[in-house]
């Protein structure tokens, strides 16, 4: 029997889901509407898992708060929608420790399956939510990426060359890496330095190493 706390704003949904989960050997020992109530319940008696409705305000903050008092509790996010805020929260909740996500249009059977996967210590999400996670990571600045002055835009090729410059590669090495002519690299290097307001490539290396 899995001991669970259910957090969802709508009482009727909480009661219906708690009843349905009982058939799947999941004991919802508490179902609450707010993050404050959830934190109090988890601090008093840490559950095996928290089922957290993404309609809850700032779900990532609840994950972080409960994890501090109940570090072994696992997390399953439910009702993940299509909004930009839900996409943002998917990434934030994953960073906070949530390992399972069930989309708003998935079935009860999918939810029960996801719960089992999470309790086994594995990761569960739909292909759509997985794509949200990948896109969120891709849109974050990469460590060591060149920081551009306000209003400055490098072309995709210039961005690649700027990062290779920052890594300390010479024009010849960059040309070999990108399979382009050394003269072409030189032209791009001049353009990159001009856009960044730098005179020497060593300044770019220095900026990156201290950034």
Protein backbone atom coordinates (compact mmCIF):
# COMPACT_ATOMS: atom_id res chain seq x y z
CA UNK A 1 0.00 0.00 0.00
CA UNK A 2 1.38 3.39 -1.06
CA UNK A 3 0.86 6.28 1.34
CA UNK A 4 0.02 9.44 -0.62
CA UNK A 5 -0.89 13.08 -0.11
CA UNK A 6 -2.98 14.67 -2.85
CA UNK A 7 -2.76 18.42 -3.49
CA UNK A 8 -5.41 19.92 -5.80
CA UNK A 9 -7.50 23.10 -5.59
CA UNK A 10 -10.87 21.48 -6.44
CA UNK A 11 -12.35 19.41 -3.62
CA UNK A 12 -14.62 17.28 -5.81
CA UNK A 13 -11.63 16.26 -7.94
CA UNK A 14 -9.60 15.39 -4.87
CA UNK A 15 -12.35 13.22 -3.43
CA UNK A 16 -13.02 11.45 -6.72
CA UNK A 17 -9.34 10.76 -7.34
CA UNK A 18 -8.75 9.57 -3.77
CA UNK A 19 -11.59 7.06 -4.16
CA UNK A 20 -10.31 5.85 -7.51
CA UNK A 21 -6.76 5.40 -6.24
CA UNK A 22 -7.89 3.29 -3.28
CA UNK A 23 -8.73 0.53 -5.76
CA UNK A 24 -5.09 0.65 -6.94
CA UNK A 25 -3.72 0.14 -3.41
CA UNK A 26 -2.91 3.82 -2.98
CA UNK A 27 -4.02 5.24 0.37
CA UNK A 28 -4.57 8.98 0.10
CA UNK A 29 -4.07 9.79 3.78
CA UNK A 30 -4.69 13.49 3.18
CA UNK A 31 -6.07 15.55 0.33
CA UNK A 32 -5.61 19.29 0.61
CA UNK A 33 -6.24 22.40 -1.46
CA UNK A 34 -3.20 24.56 -0.71
CA UNK A 35 0.57 24.39 -0.48
CA UNK A 36 0.44 25.48 3.16
CA UNK A 37 -1.82 22.57 4.09
CA UNK A 38 0.32 20.16 2.11
CA UNK A 39 3.51 21.29 3.84
CA UNK A 40 1.89 20.88 7.25
CA UNK A 41 0.68 17.36 6.42
CA UNK A 42 4.04 16.25 5.01
CA UNK A 43 6.00 17.69 7.92
CA UNK A 44 3.75 15.84 10.38
CA UNK A 45 3.86 12.52 8.55
CA UNK A 46 6.04 12.29 5.43
CA UNK A 47 4.16 10.32 2.74
CA UNK A 48 5.63 7.94 0.21
CA UNK A 49 4.50 10.23 -2.60
CA UNK A 50 2.79 13.55 -3.22
CA UNK A 51 0.41 13.88 -6.15
CA UNK A 52 0.54 17.56 -7.04
CA UNK A 53 -2.01 19.17 -9.35
CA UNK A 54 -0.35 21.73 -11.62
CA UNK A 55 -3.35 24.00 -11.01
CA UNK A 56 -1.80 24.64 -7.58
CA UNK A 57 -0.09 28.00 -7.34
CA UNK A 58 3.70 27.78 -7.86
CA UNK A 59 4.02 24.00 -7.49
CA UNK A 60 7.82 24.12 -7.66
CA UNK A 61 7.97 26.05 -4.38
CA UNK A 62 5.95 23.36 -2.65
CA UNK A 63 8.26 20.63 -3.97
CA UNK A 64 11.29 22.46 -2.61
CA UNK A 65 9.65 23.22 0.76
CA UNK A 66 8.44 19.67 1.37
CA UNK A 67 11.73 18.15 0.22
CA UNK A 68 13.48 20.03 3.01
CA UNK A 69 11.32 18.33 5.67
CA UNK A 70 10.64 15.04 3.84
CA UNK A 71 13.58 14.33 1.52
CA UNK A 72 12.51 10.75 0.75
CA UNK A 73 9.05 11.68 -0.50
CA UNK A 74 8.56 11.16 -4.23
CA UNK A 75 6.59 13.46 -6.53
CA UNK A 76 4.08 13.00 -9.33
CA UNK A 77 2.79 16.11 -11.07
CA UNK A 78 -0.72 15.76 -12.52
CA UNK A 79 -2.81 17.88 -14.85
CA UNK A 80 0.11 19.29 -16.84
CA UNK A 81 -1.46 21.56 -19.43
CA UNK A 82 -0.42 23.40 -22.56
CA UNK A 83 0.13 26.86 -21.08
CA UNK A 84 3.49 28.63 -21.05
CA UNK A 85 3.36 28.70 -17.25
CA UNK A 86 2.93 24.93 -17.06
CA UNK A 87 5.85 24.51 -19.45
CA UNK A 88 7.95 26.69 -17.15
CA UNK A 89 6.81 24.81 -14.07
CA UNK A 90 7.65 21.42 -15.59
CA UNK A 91 11.30 22.42 -15.72
CA UNK A 92 11.29 24.07 -12.29
CA UNK A 93 9.58 21.09 -10.65
CA UNK A 94 11.99 18.66 -12.30
CA UNK A 95 14.90 20.69 -10.93
CA UNK A 96 13.29 20.59 -7.48
CA UNK A 97 13.03 16.79 -7.54
CA UNK A 98 9.78 15.84 -9.29
CA UNK A 99 10.30 12.72 -11.41
CA UNK A 100 6.82 12.01 -12.75
CA UNK A 101 4.41 14.08 -14.86
CA UNK A 102 0.90 13.23 -16.06
CA UNK A 103 -0.67 15.43 -18.73
CA UNK A 104 -4.13 16.93 -18.29
CA UNK A 105 -5.51 14.78 -21.11
CA UNK A 106 -4.08 11.48 -19.86
CA UNK A 107 -6.27 8.81 -18.25
CA UNK A 108 -6.57 7.49 -14.72
CA UNK A 109 -4.78 4.35 -15.88
CA UNK A 110 -1.89 6.53 -17.07
CA UNK A 111 -1.79 8.24 -13.68
CA UNK A 112 -1.69 4.92 -11.81
CA UNK A 113 1.05 3.67 -14.14
CA UNK A 114 3.04 6.86 -13.60
CA UNK A 115 2.67 6.48 -9.86
CA UNK A 116 4.12 2.98 -10.03
CA UNK A 117 7.04 4.18 -12.15
CA UNK A 118 7.83 7.01 -9.73
CA UNK A 119 7.63 4.69 -6.72
CA UNK A 120 10.12 2.39 -8.47
CA UNK A 121 12.58 5.28 -8.52
CA UNK A 122 12.27 5.92 -12.25
CA UNK A 123 11.18 8.85 -14.40
CA UNK A 124 7.79 9.00 -16.08
CA UNK A 125 6.41 11.56 -18.53
CA UNK A 126 4.64 11.75 -21.87
CA UNK A 127 6.56 12.56 -25.03
CA UNK A 128 4.99 16.05 -24.96
CA UNK A 129 6.17 16.78 -21.44
CA UNK A 130 9.56 15.29 -22.22
CA UNK A 131 9.80 17.73 -25.11
CA UNK A 132 8.96 20.60 -22.74
CA UNK A 133 11.87 19.54 -20.53
CA UNK A 134 14.28 19.32 -23.47
CA UNK A 135 13.22 22.69 -24.87
CA UNK A 136 13.51 24.29 -21.46
CA UNK A 137 17.06 23.03 -21.07
CA UNK A 138 18.01 24.08 -24.60
CA UNK A 139 16.78 27.62 -24.05
CA UNK A 140 18.92 28.12 -20.97
CA UNK A 141 22.30 29.84 -21.39
CA UNK A 142 25.04 27.23 -21.65
CA UNK A 143 27.94 27.34 -19.24
CA UNK A 144 30.77 29.15 -20.96
CA UNK A 145 28.52 30.62 -23.64
CA UNK A 146 29.46 34.10 -24.81
CA UNK A 147 27.51 36.87 -23.09
CA UNK A 148 26.49 39.50 -25.58
CA UNK A 149 26.09 43.22 -24.92
CA UNK A 150 22.51 44.53 -24.95
CA UNK A 151 21.19 44.78 -28.51
CA UNK A 152 24.04 42.72 -29.95
CA UNK A 153 23.11 39.73 -32.10
CA UNK A 154 25.51 37.21 -33.56
CA UNK A 155 24.50 35.02 -36.45
CA UNK A 156 24.29 31.28 -35.66
CA UNK A 157 27.67 30.72 -37.37
CA UNK A 158 29.23 33.66 -35.47
CA UNK A 159 27.88 32.27 -32.19
CA UNK A 160 29.56 28.92 -32.84
CA UNK A 161 32.82 30.60 -33.77
CA UNK A 162 32.63 32.88 -30.72
CA UNK A 163 32.32 29.83 -28.46
CA UNK A 164 35.26 28.11 -30.15
CA UNK A 165 37.28 31.31 -29.78
CA UNK A 166 36.34 31.46 -26.12
CA UNK A 167 37.55 27.87 -25.75
CA UNK A 168 40.97 29.02 -26.98
CA UNK A 169 40.96 27.54 -30.49
CA UNK A 170 43.04 29.24 -33.18
CA UNK A 171 41.65 30.23 -36.58
CA UNK A 172 43.24 27.15 -38.13
CA UNK A 173 41.74 24.87 -35.50
CA UNK A 174 38.31 26.45 -35.92
CA UNK A 175 38.55 26.04 -39.70
CA UNK A 176 39.41 22.36 -39.28
CA UNK A 177 36.60 21.83 -36.76
CA UNK A 178 33.97 23.48 -38.96
CA UNK A 179 35.43 22.32 -42.28
CA UNK A 180 35.57 25.83 -43.71
CA UNK A 181 38.38 28.00 -45.07
CA UNK A 182 40.72 29.78 -42.69
CA UNK A 183 40.02 33.08 -44.51
CA UNK A 184 36.29 32.60 -43.82
CA UNK A 185 37.03 32.02 -40.15
CA UNK A 186 39.12 35.18 -40.05
CA UNK A 187 36.23 37.19 -41.49
CA UNK A 188 33.82 35.78 -38.88
CA UNK A 189 36.31 36.44 -36.08
CA UNK A 190 36.60 40.11 -37.05
CA UNK A 191 32.81 40.37 -37.14
CA UNK A 192 32.42 38.71 -33.73
CA UNK A 193 34.98 40.97 -32.09
CA UNK A 194 33.40 44.06 -33.64
CA UNK A 195 29.91 43.12 -32.44
CA UNK A 196 31.18 42.36 -28.95
CA UNK A 197 33.15 45.58 -28.79
CA UNK A 198 36.44 43.76 -28.30
CA UNK A 199 39.83 44.37 -29.91
CA UNK A 200 41.52 41.02 -29.26
CA UNK A 201 40.27 37.45 -28.97
CA UNK A 202 42.12 37.16 -25.64
CA UNK A 203 39.53 39.55 -24.18
CA UNK A 204 36.80 37.10 -25.15
CA UNK A 205 38.64 34.23 -23.48
CA UNK A 206 39.09 36.33 -20.34
CA UNK A 207 35.41 37.28 -20.24
CA UNK A 208 34.32 33.66 -20.48
CA UNK A 209 36.75 32.33 -17.89
CA UNK A 210 35.56 34.90 -15.34
CA UNK A 211 31.87 34.73 -16.25
